[in-house]
Protein backbone atom coordinates (compact mmCIF):
# COMPACT_ATOMS: atom_id res chain seq x y z
CA UNK A 1 -0.67 184.69 -1.90
CA UNK A 2 1.64 182.12 -2.42
CA UNK A 3 -0.33 179.40 -5.03
CA UNK A 4 -0.81 176.05 -3.65
CA UNK A 5 -1.78 172.90 -5.96
CA UNK A 6 -3.13 169.94 -4.22
CA UNK A 7 -2.43 166.47 -6.17
CA UNK A 8 -4.33 163.62 -5.08
CA UNK A 9 -5.50 160.45 -6.80
CA UNK A 10 -5.50 156.81 -5.61
CA UNK A 11 -2.51 154.53 -5.06
CA UNK A 12 -0.21 154.22 -8.43
CA UNK A 13 -2.06 156.55 -10.36
CA UNK A 14 0.97 158.78 -11.27
CA UNK A 15 0.89 161.56 -8.53
CA UNK A 16 4.71 161.53 -8.00
CA UNK A 17 5.28 161.27 -11.85
CA UNK A 18 3.41 164.18 -12.05
CA UNK A 19 5.33 166.29 -9.89
CA UNK A 20 8.62 164.91 -11.67
CA UNK A 21 7.19 166.05 -15.05
CA UNK A 22 6.35 169.46 -13.37
CA UNK A 23 9.66 170.03 -12.17
CA UNK A 24 11.10 168.84 -15.67
CA UNK A 25 8.93 171.21 -17.80
CA UNK A 26 8.92 174.30 -15.38
CA UNK A 27 12.58 174.49 -14.65
CA UNK A 28 12.10 178.43 -14.00
CA UNK A 29 9.56 178.10 -11.30
CA UNK A 30 10.29 177.92 -7.83
CA UNK A 31 8.44 175.51 -6.32
CA UNK A 32 7.92 173.05 -2.84
CA UNK A 33 6.86 169.92 -2.98
CA UNK A 34 5.22 168.54 0.61
CA UNK A 35 4.76 164.88 0.32
CA UNK A 36 2.13 162.62 2.19
CA UNK A 37 2.72 159.17 2.49
CA UNK A 38 0.30 156.83 4.42
CA UNK A 39 2.76 154.50 5.34
CA UNK A 40 6.02 155.66 8.01
CA UNK A 41 8.25 155.05 5.60
CA UNK A 42 8.85 157.96 2.72
CA UNK A 43 9.82 156.53 -0.79
CA UNK A 44 8.30 159.31 -2.90
CA UNK A 45 9.78 162.07 -1.04
CA UNK A 46 13.66 161.24 -1.66
CA UNK A 47 12.46 160.34 -5.41
CA UNK A 48 11.06 164.19 -5.72
CA UNK A 49 14.30 165.55 -3.90
CA UNK A 50 16.28 164.19 -6.56
CA UNK A 51 14.67 166.83 -8.68
CA UNK A 52 16.64 169.70 -7.02
CA UNK A 53 13.18 170.92 -5.65
CA UNK A 54 12.88 171.47 -1.88
CA UNK A 55 10.90 168.39 -0.52
CA UNK A 56 9.12 168.00 3.00
CA UNK A 57 7.58 164.76 3.93
CA UNK A 58 4.70 163.97 6.18
CA UNK A 59 4.23 160.29 6.87
CA UNK A 60 2.38 157.64 8.93
CA UNK A 61 -1.12 159.13 7.98
CA UNK A 62 -3.32 161.54 6.01
CA UNK A 63 -3.12 164.73 6.09
CA UNK A 64 -6.43 165.53 6.41
CA UNK A 65 -6.90 163.42 9.58
CA UNK A 66 -6.33 164.73 13.32
CA UNK A 67 -3.27 163.13 13.57
CA UNK A 68 -1.30 164.35 10.85
CA UNK A 69 -2.97 167.60 10.20
CA UNK A 70 -0.74 169.75 12.79
CA UNK A 71 2.42 168.15 10.89
CA UNK A 72 1.33 169.96 7.54
CA UNK A 73 0.07 173.47 9.11
CA UNK A 74 3.82 173.55 11.16
CA UNK A 75 5.84 172.81 7.84
CA UNK A 76 3.27 175.24 5.72
CA UNK A 77 3.65 177.82 8.50
CA UNK A 78 7.72 177.27 9.31
CA UNK A 79 9.39 175.98 6.45
CA UNK A 80 7.74 176.83 3.39
CA UNK A 81 6.65 180.55 4.60
CA UNK A 82 10.44 180.69 5.51
CA UNK A 83 11.82 179.67 2.27
CA UNK A 84 9.02 182.10 0.56
CA UNK A 85 10.46 185.32 2.73
CA UNK A 86 14.26 184.23 0.94
CA UNK A 87 12.65 184.18 -2.38
CA UNK A 88 9.21 184.31 -3.59
CA UNK A 89 7.71 180.86 -4.21
CA UNK A 90 5.92 180.46 -7.58
CA UNK A 91 3.95 177.22 -6.05
CA UNK A 92 3.70 175.02 -3.40
CA UNK A 93 2.79 171.35 -4.44
CA UNK A 94 1.41 169.14 -1.96
CA UNK A 95 1.15 165.24 -2.82
CA UNK A 96 -1.47 163.74 -0.77
CA UNK A 97 -1.64 159.79 0.16
CA UNK A 98 -3.32 157.81 -2.17
CA UNK A 99 -5.83 156.92 0.66
CA UNK A 100 -6.23 160.72 1.86
CA UNK A 101 -9.83 162.17 1.15
CA UNK A 102 -9.14 166.10 0.26
CA UNK A 103 -12.27 167.04 1.26
CA UNK A 104 -11.02 168.83 4.18
CA UNK A 105 -8.54 170.92 2.46
CA UNK A 106 -11.01 174.15 2.99
CA UNK A 107 -11.06 173.62 6.86
CA UNK A 108 -7.05 173.66 6.76
CA UNK A 109 -6.82 176.55 4.72
CA UNK A 110 -9.30 178.68 6.34
CA UNK A 111 -10.21 177.66 9.94
CA UNK A 112 -6.64 177.43 10.67
CA UNK A 113 -5.23 180.53 9.10
CA UNK A 114 -3.40 179.26 6.13
CA UNK A 115 -5.80 181.58 3.84
CA UNK A 116 -3.39 184.68 5.08
CA UNK A 117 -0.15 183.43 3.23
CA UNK A 118 -1.70 180.69 0.97
CA UNK A 119 -4.36 180.34 -1.73
CA UNK A 120 -5.64 177.14 -3.03
CA UNK A 121 -5.65 177.64 -6.99
CA UNK A 122 -6.19 173.92 -8.15
CA UNK A 123 -7.24 170.24 -7.21
CA UNK A 124 -5.80 167.89 -9.49
CA UNK A 125 -6.83 163.81 -9.38
CA UNK A 126 -4.75 161.54 -11.14
CA UNK A 127 -6.60 158.71 -12.49
CA UNK A 128 -5.15 155.05 -13.56
CA UNK A 129 -8.04 153.93 -15.93
CA UNK A 130 -7.44 149.98 -15.59
CA UNK A 131 -9.49 148.95 -12.42
CA UNK A 132 -11.02 152.74 -11.93
CA UNK A 133 -14.56 151.82 -12.51
CA UNK A 134 -14.35 149.01 -9.94
CA UNK A 135 -12.70 151.13 -7.49
CA UNK A 136 -14.70 153.95 -8.04
CA UNK A 137 -17.91 152.07 -6.93
CA UNK A 138 -16.37 150.63 -3.63
CA UNK A 139 -13.96 153.25 -2.56
CA UNK A 140 -15.39 156.03 -1.22
CA UNK A 141 -12.13 157.96 -0.83
CA UNK A 142 -11.73 158.06 -4.83
CA UNK A 143 -15.18 159.19 -5.39
CA UNK A 144 -14.16 162.23 -3.15
CA UNK A 145 -11.08 162.73 -4.91
CA UNK A 146 -12.96 163.08 -7.95
CA UNK A 147 -15.69 165.06 -6.58
CA UNK A 148 -13.16 167.64 -5.53
CA UNK A 149 -10.94 168.35 -8.37
CA UNK A 150 -11.20 170.82 -11.03
CA UNK A 151 -8.92 169.10 -13.23
CA UNK A 152 -8.58 165.01 -13.77
CA UNK A 153 -5.83 163.43 -15.48
CA UNK A 154 -6.80 160.18 -17.18
CA UNK A 155 -2.84 158.71 -17.09
CA UNK A 156 -1.61 155.37 -18.70
CA UNK A 157 -4.49 155.74 -21.57
CA UNK A 158 -2.09 153.71 -23.21
CA UNK A 159 -2.82 150.63 -21.18
CA UNK A 160 -6.39 150.47 -22.20
CA UNK A 161 -8.66 150.43 -25.78
CA UNK A 162 -10.15 153.80 -26.57
CA UNK A 163 -13.59 152.48 -25.42
CA UNK A 164 -12.31 151.84 -21.94
CA UNK A 165 -11.19 155.02 -21.52
CA UNK A 166 -14.07 156.42 -22.66
CA UNK A 167 -16.13 154.87 -20.22
CA UNK A 168 -13.99 156.02 -17.22
CA UNK A 169 -14.22 159.90 -18.78
CA UNK A 170 -18.32 159.13 -18.83
CA UNK A 171 -18.06 157.91 -15.14
CA UNK A 172 -15.87 160.93 -13.96
CA UNK A 173 -17.94 163.17 -15.89
CA UNK A 174 -21.31 161.78 -14.42
CA UNK A 175 -19.75 162.36 -10.70
CA UNK A 176 -18.19 165.66 -11.47
CA UNK A 177 -20.03 167.65 -14.77
CA UNK A 178 -17.38 170.65 -13.98
CA UNK A 179 -14.01 169.27 -13.77
CA UNK A 180 -11.80 169.43 -17.03
CA UNK A 181 -10.71 166.18 -17.90
CA UNK A 182 -7.68 165.26 -19.62
CA UNK A 183 -5.97 162.16 -21.13
CA UNK A 184 -2.11 161.46 -20.88
CA UNK A 185 0.48 159.01 -20.96
CA UNK A 186 3.18 159.20 -18.21
CA UNK A 187 1.34 162.37 -17.31
CA UNK A 188 2.67 164.22 -19.75
CA UNK A 189 0.02 167.55 -20.05
CA UNK A 190 0.70 171.12 -20.96
CA UNK A 191 -0.09 172.38 -17.29
CA UNK A 192 -1.06 176.12 -16.65
CA UNK A 193 -1.45 177.56 -13.15
CA UNK A 194 -5.15 178.46 -13.03
CA UNK A 195 -5.83 181.55 -11.36
CA UNK A 196 -8.34 180.85 -8.88
CA UNK A 197 -10.30 177.54 -7.69
CA UNK A 198 -14.33 178.01 -8.30
CA UNK A 199 -15.40 175.76 -4.87
CA UNK A 200 -13.04 175.16 -1.86
CA UNK A 201 -14.36 171.84 -0.46
CA UNK A 202 -15.26 172.64 3.19
CA UNK A 203 -15.11 168.75 4.71
CA UNK A 204 -14.16 168.15 8.19
CA UNK A 205 -11.05 166.69 9.32
CA UNK A 206 -11.48 162.73 9.77
CA UNK A 207 -10.26 160.64 13.02
CA UNK A 208 -7.25 158.37 12.38
CA UNK A 209 -9.02 155.56 12.79
CA UNK A 210 -11.48 156.19 9.71
CA UNK A 211 -9.08 155.47 7.21
CA UNK A 212 -9.82 152.08 6.07
CA UNK A 213 -6.00 150.98 4.73
CA UNK A 214 -3.27 149.06 6.25
CA UNK A 215 0.36 148.85 5.34
CA UNK A 216 3.41 147.13 6.29
CA UNK A 217 6.69 147.18 5.66
CA UNK A 218 9.36 144.52 4.23
CA UNK A 219 12.56 143.76 2.98
CA UNK A 220 13.69 141.35 0.06
CA UNK A 221 16.69 139.10 0.84
CA UNK A 222 19.83 140.24 -0.85
CA UNK A 223 20.59 136.73 -2.11
CA UNK A 224 17.49 136.26 -4.05
CA UNK A 225 17.86 136.96 -7.49
CA UNK A 226 16.13 139.79 -9.78
CA UNK A 227 13.96 136.98 -11.44
CA UNK A 228 12.90 135.58 -8.57
CA UNK A 229 11.90 138.90 -6.93
CA UNK A 230 9.73 139.87 -10.06
CA UNK A 231 8.14 136.68 -9.91
CA UNK A 232 7.04 136.86 -6.17
CA UNK A 233 5.83 140.35 -6.59
CA UNK A 234 3.98 139.86 -9.86
CA UNK A 235 2.41 136.69 -8.19
CA UNK A 236 0.90 138.62 -4.66
CA UNK A 237 -3.05 138.81 -5.06
CA UNK A 238 -4.27 141.86 -6.57
CA UNK A 239 -6.03 142.95 -3.23
CA UNK A 240 -2.58 144.13 -2.40
CA UNK A 241 -3.17 147.65 -3.99
CA UNK A 242 0.45 148.97 -3.87
CA UNK A 243 4.26 147.90 -3.55
CA UNK A 244 6.82 150.38 -3.39
CA UNK A 245 10.58 150.99 -2.61
CA UNK A 246 13.96 149.67 -3.24
CA UNK A 247 15.00 145.99 -3.02
CA UNK A 248 19.21 144.85 -3.53
CA UNK A 249 19.75 141.57 -5.22
CA UNK A 250 23.11 139.86 -6.26
CA UNK A 251 22.57 142.12 -9.52
CA UNK A 252 22.34 145.35 -7.97
CA UNK A 253 20.18 148.28 -6.44
CA UNK A 254 16.28 148.21 -7.70
CA UNK A 255 13.40 150.77 -7.42
CA UNK A 256 10.27 148.64 -7.37
CA UNK A 257 6.63 149.60 -7.71
CA UNK A 258 3.49 147.76 -8.33
CA UNK A 259 0.05 149.21 -8.75
CA UNK A 260 -2.94 147.92 -9.61
CA UNK A 261 -1.87 147.61 -13.33
CA UNK A 262 1.67 147.54 -13.64
CA UNK A 263 4.84 146.03 -12.02
CA UNK A 264 8.23 148.11 -12.72
CA UNK A 265 11.58 147.13 -11.36
CA UNK A 266 14.21 149.44 -12.59
CA UNK A 267 18.07 150.20 -11.80
CA UNK A 268 17.79 152.64 -8.71
CA UNK A 269 19.47 155.95 -9.48
CA UNK A 270 20.69 156.18 -6.00
CA UNK A 271 20.90 153.36 -3.30
CA UNK A 272 18.29 154.22 -0.52
CA UNK A 273 17.09 152.32 2.17
CA UNK A 274 16.30 148.49 1.51
CA UNK A 275 12.70 148.33 2.38
CA UNK A 276 9.25 148.10 0.50
CA UNK A 277 6.14 149.18 1.62
CA UNK A 278 2.84 147.20 0.91
CA UNK A 279 -0.81 148.97 1.45
CA UNK A 280 -4.09 146.84 1.30
CA UNK A 281 -7.33 147.70 2.35
CA UNK A 282 -8.28 146.60 5.98
CA UNK A 283 -10.16 143.99 4.80
CA UNK A 284 -7.51 142.31 3.30
CA UNK A 285 -4.91 143.00 5.97
CA UNK A 286 -4.13 139.45 6.42
CA UNK A 287 -2.87 139.17 2.78
CA UNK A 288 -0.04 141.56 4.05
CA UNK A 289 0.87 139.74 7.11
CA UNK A 290 0.84 136.62 4.78
CA UNK A 291 3.10 138.01 2.20
CA UNK A 292 5.39 139.48 4.84
CA UNK A 293 5.85 136.07 6.23
CA UNK A 294 6.53 134.55 2.98
CA UNK A 295 9.31 137.00 2.75
CA UNK A 296 10.72 136.03 6.00
CA UNK A 297 10.64 132.76 4.77
CA UNK A 298 12.83 133.65 2.02
CA UNK A 299 15.36 135.30 4.34
CA UNK A 300 16.32 131.86 5.96
CA UNK A 301 18.93 130.14 4.13
C-alpha cells in the first residue's frame, strides 16, 4: 500500500513551506506532491517542483468538490501509480487548497477504489495563529480541517506571545481532544510517518457552488517600482485573505506572498508567470474587483 499524507490548513498557513521542508529533510524518500489550488493559476506547484520531487497540480477548485474529484482520481490512478510501478514510492503528499474541507477524503479513498492501492496515514492541519481564533469561529472550513486532523502544526509561533499561542492550542484541543499539537517556526518539525490513521473522515463531496470563496488574477505594472508594490499590497484590506504569485519591477523579478499576518516580497529564484492570485470570502468579492481596478489604473501611463 502506498502511504498518503493529506496536508490541510487555511490560506497562507504554511502548507507549501511544510512540503518543502519535508523534501529537504527526507532526501532519501521517493515522494510525489499533488497540489490543489482554488484559483485557475498554479503558484505552489512550480515552487514545489523546484525541490526535484515529482509534482502534479489540480487547479480551479477543491479536490473535495464534485467538479474536481475526477481530476484527483485520474492523477492518482494514472500518474502516481505509474511512478510507483517504476520505483516504489515512500509517500504521496497531497496539499489541499486552503479553502478545502477535507472531510470527504474517506469517500474518495474508499468509495472510488483508491483504497486498493493507497492508505491514508495522516491528516495534517497547519495553523497560522495570528487571526486563528477569529477565523475558527466564523469559517466552517477551518473547523473541519482541525476536526479531521491527527496532527496540528501551530506554525509561525515566533509572531505572537506565548499566552496567545497557548490560547490557540486550547481552542484546538477543545475541538479535537485526540489530535497531536506541535508548535513550529517556519514549519520546522521532526516528522515521522505514522503507521495508520485512526479514524478516516467520511463526509460527502461538496458541490462546486458550496465553496464560499472568490479569486481574481491580476498583474503588477512592470514600470512601477518595488517600494510602490510593497506599499500597495500592504495597504489592501485584510479581508483579502491571500495574495501570491510573481511580479516584475524595474529592479527585477519577485515572488510575492501576503497572508493574514505577513507580506513577503523576495527575489524570484526563477522567473515565472507575472501574475498574482487574490482570494477573499464571497462576502468581500467586491474588494477583489476594486483591487483589480486600482491595478488597471496603475498600468496606464
